[in-house]
Every structure is written in C-alpha cells, then in structure tokens.
Amino acid sequence: AGDAVLYAAPHAVAAFDVDPGGRAWASDGASTLSCLDLASSTWSSSNQAGSVSSILTRSATDLWFGSDRVVHLEHGGSCSFGADALTELSPEAALRSPARDVAIEGDGVWLATDRGVDYLDTRGTPLVPEDDRWMHFDPADIPGLENLQGVVVSSSGLKYFWGQNVVFVLDDGGSPFDPSDD
C-alpha cells in the first residue's frame, strides 16, 4: 500500500482530529493528549488534569478538548505547549455542569452537558471571557434534555445532541440567542 503511511500511536486512541496545519491530535480517553507533527513524524504527549474524550481542532493554532471539563488550547501551531496555553471552561465560568462533548460553529461553541445544552459565543476572542455570551437550553424547557453524551453541527447548521436513549435536533434559525425562530 504505497498510498498509505502508518504512524504507531503512543497509546490507544479514543478521540482524534487533525488540524489544518498538519498536526494530528489524539487522546487515550483518560488524561493523555498527544500530538503527531506529520512534517517530522514525531509524537508529543502531555498529561491533563482530567480525562480527554473529545478533541475538536478549530484552526492551525488552536483546538478544544473535553470530557469532564472543556479546555481551549492555544498551541500556536506547535505540538509543544505549556500550561499557560490552556484555558479551562468550568461550571464557574457559566457552565451549569461538566460538558461531555463540544462542537464549534463560527465563533460559537456548543456544549453537550449533564444538564442540557450550553452555547458560548466567544465573539472571536476565546481567551477573553469578559465579552462572552452564554445561552442555556434546559431540561425544564425541553424534557429529556439531560445526560447528553455528544453534539455535532451539520453543514446545514442543524445541531444534533444525543444521550443514551434520545437524539435531539435543534434548528436555531441561525440565532442561538433568539428562541422565537427555533
């Protein structure tokens, strides 16, 4: 198979994404986040404070990852990064419960949580929380919208959230802060 190149991962792979800069990001589903620089064929790994079960590259210089917490990583286009490159979103930062999965749509971040759906509009500045806007979709408003496991934003703008026994589809009409067009 001359068309394929195989890279042995330093651990089992539970989550995986590739950024536009040619770096493959992988986690073991526990606390290890690893990065493969395809240009040099070398892996770098770091241990995180919590589990890493989802990875979503945002650009060639940043990504989001999460499970029992959601973290923005500003890696600057490198597989090597320090602790100062990590910004954690926590329940104290407007999340009502730990996020299990994350999806990006423009400057917004959709979060599937134990207690519904959270939407964060970073206004183009994910590291400046002062200008952030939050929207919550609560189980009290939509019965069954708890213990969500995942989220996907389709190319048409529909948002899919799922739990163990349900799938929700949200058409926010392009305006998450205006529930009248949902």
Protein backbone atom coordinates (compact mmCIF):
# COMPACT_ATOMS: atom_id res chain seq x y z
CA ALA A 1 0.00 0.00 0.00
CA GLY A 2 2.26 2.78 -1.30
CA ASP A 3 -0.51 5.35 -0.85
CA ALA A 4 -0.72 4.97 2.93
CA VAL A 5 1.59 5.87 5.78
CA LEU A 6 1.04 4.27 9.17
CA TYR A 7 2.04 6.00 12.40
CA ALA A 8 2.03 3.97 15.60
CA ALA A 9 0.29 5.96 18.32
CA PRO A 10 1.93 6.13 21.76
CA HIS A 11 -1.32 4.88 23.34
CA ALA A 12 -4.79 3.60 22.48
CA VAL A 13 -6.80 6.23 20.55
CA ALA A 14 -10.22 7.18 21.94
CA ALA A 15 -10.54 10.62 20.28
CA PHE A 16 -8.81 12.04 17.23
CA ASP A 17 -8.78 15.13 14.99
CA VAL A 18 -6.37 16.73 12.51
CA ASP A 19 -5.76 20.46 12.33
CA PRO A 20 -5.20 22.40 9.07
CA GLY A 21 -1.52 22.87 9.98
CA GLY A 22 -0.71 19.17 9.66
CA ARG A 23 -0.88 18.04 13.27
CA ALA A 24 -2.90 15.01 14.36
CA TRP A 25 -4.27 15.23 17.91
CA ALA A 26 -5.22 12.08 19.82
CA SER A 27 -6.25 11.10 23.33
CA ASP A 28 -6.37 7.82 25.15
CA GLY A 29 -9.79 8.58 26.68
CA ALA A 30 -8.06 9.14 30.01
CA SER A 31 -5.71 12.04 30.74
CA THR A 32 -3.19 11.81 27.88
CA LEU A 33 -3.34 14.30 24.99
CA SER A 34 -0.88 13.55 22.19
CA CYS A 35 0.09 15.38 19.02
CA LEU A 36 1.69 13.95 15.88
CA ASP A 37 3.59 16.51 13.81
CA LEU A 38 3.18 15.00 10.34
CA ALA A 39 6.10 17.03 8.94
CA SER A 40 8.60 15.45 11.35
CA SER A 41 6.68 12.22 12.09
CA THR A 42 7.17 12.76 15.84
CA TRP A 43 4.70 12.41 18.71
CA SER A 44 4.50 14.71 21.75
CA SER A 45 2.32 13.84 24.75
CA SER A 46 1.11 15.65 27.84
CA ASN A 47 -0.99 14.63 30.81
CA GLN A 48 -4.09 16.69 31.56
CA ALA A 49 -5.82 17.22 34.89
CA GLY A 50 -8.92 15.36 33.70
CA SER A 51 -9.99 12.92 31.04
CA VAL A 52 -9.86 13.84 27.35
CA SER A 53 -12.62 12.11 25.42
CA SER A 54 -13.26 14.64 22.65
CA ILE A 55 -10.97 16.79 20.50
CA LEU A 56 -12.06 19.41 18.01
CA THR A 57 -9.48 21.38 16.07
CA ARG A 58 -10.56 24.96 15.46
CA SER A 59 -7.65 26.19 13.31
CA ALA A 60 -3.97 25.53 12.70
CA THR A 61 -3.20 27.21 16.03
CA ASP A 62 -5.95 26.21 18.46
CA LEU A 63 -8.38 23.47 19.44
CA TRP A 64 -10.93 22.49 22.08
CA PHE A 65 -10.92 19.27 24.05
CA GLY A 66 -13.02 17.94 26.85
CA SER A 67 -14.96 15.40 28.80
CA ASP A 68 -15.38 16.15 32.48
CA ARG A 69 -14.15 19.67 31.64
CA VAL A 70 -13.80 21.75 28.48
CA VAL A 71 -10.45 23.28 27.61
CA HIS A 72 -9.32 25.67 24.87
CA LEU A 73 -5.71 25.05 23.78
CA GLU A 74 -3.88 27.87 22.01
CA HIS A 75 -0.90 25.81 20.76
CA GLY A 76 0.34 28.37 18.25
CA GLY A 77 0.91 25.80 15.52
CA SER A 78 3.15 23.55 17.57
CA CYS A 79 2.79 20.18 19.26
CA SER A 80 4.74 21.61 22.21
CA PHE A 81 2.77 23.84 24.57
CA GLY A 82 2.92 24.96 28.17
CA ALA A 83 0.23 25.07 30.82
CA ASP A 84 -0.29 28.78 30.05
CA ALA A 85 -1.67 27.77 26.62
CA LEU A 86 -4.68 26.08 28.28
CA THR A 87 -7.87 27.91 29.23
CA GLU A 88 -10.46 25.84 31.06
CA LEU A 89 -14.19 26.49 30.89
CA SER A 90 -15.72 25.37 34.13
CA PRO A 91 -19.15 25.46 35.77
CA GLU A 92 -17.99 28.66 37.47
CA ALA A 93 -17.49 30.22 34.00
CA ALA A 94 -21.23 29.82 33.23
CA LEU A 95 -21.30 26.08 32.50
CA ARG A 96 -24.01 24.55 34.68
CA SER A 97 -22.50 21.09 34.64
CA PRO A 98 -19.47 19.35 33.13
CA ALA A 99 -19.50 19.17 29.34
CA ARG A 100 -19.22 15.77 27.73
CA ASP A 101 -18.71 16.95 24.14
CA VAL A 102 -18.15 20.14 22.18
CA ALA A 103 -18.81 21.33 18.62
CA ILE A 104 -17.74 24.60 17.02
CA GLU A 105 -19.86 26.80 14.79
CA GLY A 106 -18.19 30.06 13.74
CA ASP A 107 -17.23 31.92 16.93
CA GLY A 108 -19.65 29.79 18.94
CA VAL A 109 -19.15 26.63 20.94
CA TRP A 110 -22.00 24.13 21.53
CA LEU A 111 -21.62 22.00 24.65
CA ALA A 112 -23.49 18.79 25.48
CA THR A 113 -23.75 18.54 29.27
CA ASP A 114 -25.42 16.52 32.00
CA ARG A 115 -27.96 19.32 32.49
CA GLY A 116 -28.85 20.33 28.93
CA VAL A 117 -27.14 22.31 26.20
CA ASP A 118 -24.90 25.31 26.70
CA TYR A 119 -23.91 27.68 23.92
CA LEU A 120 -20.95 30.02 24.27
CA ASP A 121 -20.43 32.89 21.83
CA THR A 122 -16.76 33.82 22.24
CA ARG A 123 -17.20 36.82 19.91
CA GLY A 124 -13.97 35.81 18.21
CA THR A 125 -11.89 36.03 21.40
CA PRO A 126 -11.94 32.65 23.18
CA LEU A 127 -9.32 33.75 25.69
CA VAL A 128 -11.19 36.92 26.75
CA PRO A 129 -14.13 35.79 28.92
CA GLU A 130 -15.33 39.35 29.58
CA ASP A 131 -17.08 39.61 26.17
CA ASP A 132 -18.54 36.07 26.15
CA ARG A 133 -22.28 35.49 25.86
CA TRP A 134 -23.96 32.30 27.08
CA MET A 135 -27.26 30.64 26.24
CA HIS A 136 -28.72 27.63 28.05
CA PHE A 137 -31.20 25.06 26.77
CA ASP A 138 -32.52 23.44 29.92
CA PRO A 139 -34.28 20.11 30.64
CA ALA A 140 -37.02 22.13 32.38
CA ASP A 141 -37.81 23.69 28.96
CA ILE A 142 -37.18 20.57 26.87
CA PRO A 143 -37.97 17.34 28.78
CA GLY A 144 -35.34 14.65 28.33
CA LEU A 145 -32.51 17.08 27.58
CA GLU A 146 -30.23 15.72 30.29
CA ASN A 147 -27.22 13.42 30.45
CA LEU A 148 -26.21 14.34 26.91
CA GLN A 149 -23.25 12.44 25.53
CA GLY A 150 -22.43 14.22 22.26
CA VAL A 151 -23.02 17.06 19.83
CA VAL A 152 -22.48 17.53 16.09
CA VAL A 153 -23.14 20.65 14.00
CA SER A 154 -24.08 19.75 10.42
CA SER A 155 -23.04 21.73 7.36
CA SER A 156 -26.67 22.95 7.10
CA GLY A 157 -26.49 24.45 10.61
CA LEU A 158 -28.62 21.83 12.36
CA LYS A 159 -27.32 20.79 15.78
CA TYR A 160 -27.61 17.16 16.86
CA PHE A 161 -27.38 16.25 20.56
CA TRP A 162 -27.69 12.72 21.88
CA GLY A 163 -27.90 10.86 25.13
CA GLN A 164 -28.25 7.17 25.86
CA ASN A 165 -31.82 6.89 24.57
CA VAL A 166 -32.61 10.10 22.68
CA VAL A 167 -31.43 12.30 19.82
CA PHE A 168 -32.40 15.98 19.69
CA VAL A 169 -32.18 18.09 16.58
CA LEU A 170 -32.04 21.86 17.04
CA ASP A 171 -32.64 24.35 14.25
CA ASP A 172 -31.81 27.65 15.93
CA GLY A 173 -32.59 29.64 12.78
CA GLY A 174 -29.00 30.93 12.82
CA SER A 175 -29.59 32.86 16.03
CA PRO A 176 -28.99 30.89 19.24
CA PHE A 177 -29.98 33.89 21.39
CA ASP A 178 -33.45 34.23 19.81
CA PRO A 179 -35.60 31.24 20.78
CA SER A 180 -38.56 32.58 18.76
CA ASP A 181 -37.07 31.23 15.50
CA ASP A 182 -36.02 27.80 16.88
